Amino acid sequence: MKEKLIDLFEYTYHFNTEMIKVISENLERVDEKTISLINHTLNAQQIWNSRILNEKTFEVWQINPFEALGEINQQNFEKSIEVINNFDPDQKITYQNSRGVAFENTVFEMLFQAINHSTYHRGQINSLLKQNGIEPVLTDYIFYKR
């Protein structure tokens, strides 16, 4: 299972990188919602990693300096791999959500949430890019594997 999770995080890292690149090449044409969503996508992965590692989390909707997004994406990838390598996927973690409500999930569930959440928001970003006359990025997993 660890190999499959690593593969999915490599996929997530790759297409987050592509999204950051396309947005950076078209900054004058993207809207605030696009910037907000790419930040939120990266913030959420950082938050899930940090909940598992018991580290300080980002704010869900914080806007990071655009120049820092590539580094945040890289750090997210490295932290996710660290979690995969150092935690049992069935280990339960107790954490608080952004509203302070306590929950308990397995490491696998939390990691899969981070992956699935990123995929969802990349789809939203692609819709916004297209609306602004920018060619969307083909981000399907199968395209990555081909």
Protein backbone atom coordinates (compact mmCIF):
# COMPACT_ATOMS: atom_id res chain seq x y z
CA MET A 1 0.00 0.00 0.00
CA LYS A 2 2.86 2.39 0.73
CA GLU A 3 4.10 2.19 -2.87
CA LYS A 4 0.62 3.04 -4.16
CA LEU A 5 0.31 6.00 -1.81
CA ILE A 6 3.74 7.27 -2.87
CA ASP A 7 2.65 6.97 -6.51
CA LEU A 8 -0.50 8.98 -5.80
CA PHE A 9 1.47 11.70 -4.04
CA GLU A 10 3.94 11.82 -6.95
CA TYR A 11 0.92 12.31 -9.23
CA THR A 12 -0.46 15.02 -6.93
CA TYR A 13 2.91 16.79 -6.76
CA HIS A 14 3.36 16.61 -10.54
CA PHE A 15 0.00 18.15 -11.41
CA ASN A 16 0.14 20.73 -8.62
CA THR A 17 3.45 21.78 -10.19
CA GLU A 18 1.84 21.96 -13.64
CA MET A 19 -1.04 24.05 -12.28
CA ILE A 20 1.34 26.48 -10.57
CA LYS A 21 3.28 26.76 -13.85
CA VAL A 22 0.21 27.48 -15.99
CA ILE A 23 -1.10 30.02 -13.50
CA SER A 24 2.31 31.74 -13.29
CA GLU A 25 2.47 31.97 -17.09
CA ASN A 26 -0.97 33.61 -17.15
CA LEU A 27 -1.07 35.68 -13.95
CA GLU A 28 -2.54 38.69 -15.75
CA ARG A 29 -5.48 36.56 -16.96
CA VAL A 30 -6.35 34.49 -13.88
CA ASP A 31 -8.89 35.68 -11.35
CA GLU A 32 -8.72 35.85 -7.56
CA LYS A 33 -10.73 32.62 -7.23
CA THR A 34 -8.04 30.71 -9.14
CA ILE A 35 -5.32 32.10 -6.86
CA SER A 36 -7.43 31.30 -3.82
CA LEU A 37 -8.04 27.70 -4.97
CA ILE A 38 -4.42 26.89 -5.78
CA ASN A 39 -3.44 28.20 -2.35
CA HIS A 40 -6.26 26.27 -0.67
CA THR A 41 -5.23 23.08 -2.48
CA LEU A 42 -1.67 23.36 -1.17
CA ASN A 43 -2.77 24.55 2.27
CA ALA A 44 -5.05 21.55 2.71
CA GLN A 45 -2.26 19.05 2.02
CA GLN A 46 -0.03 20.89 4.46
CA ILE A 47 -2.83 20.79 7.05
CA TRP A 48 -3.42 17.04 6.70
CA ASN A 49 0.31 16.31 6.92
CA SER A 50 0.63 18.55 9.97
CA ARG A 51 -2.32 16.94 11.72
CA ILE A 52 -0.62 13.57 11.38
CA LEU A 53 2.79 14.90 12.39
CA ASN A 54 1.36 17.10 15.16
CA GLU A 55 2.91 20.24 13.66
CA LYS A 56 1.60 23.76 13.21
CA THR A 57 -0.90 24.01 10.36
CA PHE A 58 -1.56 26.66 7.76
CA GLU A 59 -4.91 28.41 7.69
CA VAL A 60 -7.35 26.75 5.30
CA TRP A 61 -7.79 29.79 3.02
CA GLN A 62 -4.54 31.68 3.64
CA ILE A 63 -2.99 33.29 0.57
CA ASN A 64 0.72 32.58 0.33
CA PRO A 65 3.16 34.63 -1.75
CA PHE A 66 2.80 33.23 -5.26
CA GLU A 67 6.57 32.77 -5.53
CA ALA A 68 6.41 30.41 -2.52
CA LEU A 69 3.85 27.99 -3.99
CA GLY A 70 6.41 25.76 -5.70
CA GLU A 71 8.37 25.41 -2.47
CA ILE A 72 5.19 24.72 -0.47
CA ASN A 73 4.23 22.03 -2.99
CA GLN A 74 7.71 20.46 -2.66
CA GLN A 75 7.55 20.56 1.15
CA ASN A 76 4.06 19.04 1.10
CA PHE A 77 5.30 16.20 -1.09
CA GLU A 78 8.28 15.52 1.15
CA LYS A 79 6.15 15.59 4.32
CA SER A 80 3.57 13.24 2.77
CA ILE A 81 6.33 10.78 1.88
CA GLU A 82 7.72 11.11 5.41
CA VAL A 83 4.29 10.22 6.81
CA ILE A 84 3.95 7.23 4.46
CA ASN A 85 7.38 5.93 5.43
CA ASN A 86 7.06 6.48 9.19
CA PHE A 87 3.43 5.76 10.08
CA ASP A 88 1.26 2.70 9.96
CA PRO A 89 -1.58 3.51 7.52
CA ASP A 90 -4.05 1.97 9.99
CA GLN A 91 -2.86 4.09 12.91
CA LYS A 92 -5.61 6.31 14.25
CA ILE A 93 -4.87 10.00 14.73
CA THR A 94 -6.96 12.35 16.84
CA TYR A 95 -6.97 15.94 15.57
CA GLN A 96 -9.11 19.06 15.48
CA ASN A 97 -10.61 20.49 12.33
CA SER A 98 -10.40 24.20 11.47
CA ARG A 99 -13.43 24.86 13.71
CA GLY A 100 -11.84 23.15 16.70
CA VAL A 101 -14.00 20.01 16.59
CA ALA A 102 -12.16 16.79 17.50
CA PHE A 103 -12.11 13.85 15.08
CA GLU A 104 -10.24 10.57 14.73
CA ASN A 105 -9.22 9.00 11.43
CA THR A 106 -6.59 6.58 10.21
CA VAL A 107 -3.42 7.85 8.58
CA PHE A 108 -4.58 6.26 5.32
CA GLU A 109 -7.92 8.08 5.44
CA MET A 110 -6.20 11.38 6.09
CA LEU A 111 -3.67 10.89 3.30
CA PHE A 112 -6.34 9.80 0.85
CA GLN A 113 -8.37 12.87 1.76
CA ALA A 114 -5.39 15.07 0.87
CA ILE A 115 -5.01 13.35 -2.51
CA ASN A 116 -8.71 13.38 -3.36
CA HIS A 117 -9.13 16.99 -2.21
CA SER A 118 -6.27 18.12 -4.47
CA THR A 119 -7.80 16.35 -7.47
CA TYR A 120 -11.17 17.99 -6.84
CA HIS A 121 -9.74 21.50 -6.66
CA ARG A 122 -7.49 21.06 -9.69
CA GLY A 123 -10.69 20.31 -11.61
CA GLN A 124 -12.21 23.55 -10.34
CA ILE A 125 -9.07 25.46 -11.27
CA ASN A 126 -9.16 23.97 -14.76
CA SER A 127 -12.74 25.21 -15.19
CA LEU A 128 -11.70 28.70 -14.15
CA LEU A 129 -8.69 28.63 -16.47
CA LYS A 130 -10.91 27.66 -19.39
CA GLN A 131 -13.39 30.44 -18.53
CA ASN A 132 -10.49 32.89 -18.71
CA GLY A 133 -9.33 31.63 -22.12
CA ILE A 134 -6.42 29.60 -20.76
CA GLU A 135 -5.83 26.04 -21.93
CA PRO A 136 -6.62 23.70 -19.01
CA VAL A 137 -4.10 21.12 -17.85
CA LEU A 138 -4.99 17.49 -18.54
CA THR A 139 -4.69 16.19 -14.99
CA ASP A 140 -6.32 12.77 -15.18
CA TYR A 141 -4.31 10.10 -13.40
CA ILE A 142 -4.22 7.95 -16.55
CA PHE A 143 -2.48 10.77 -18.46
CA TYR A 144 0.15 10.86 -15.74
CA LYS A 145 0.69 7.10 -15.98
CA ARG A 146 0.93 7.13 -19.77
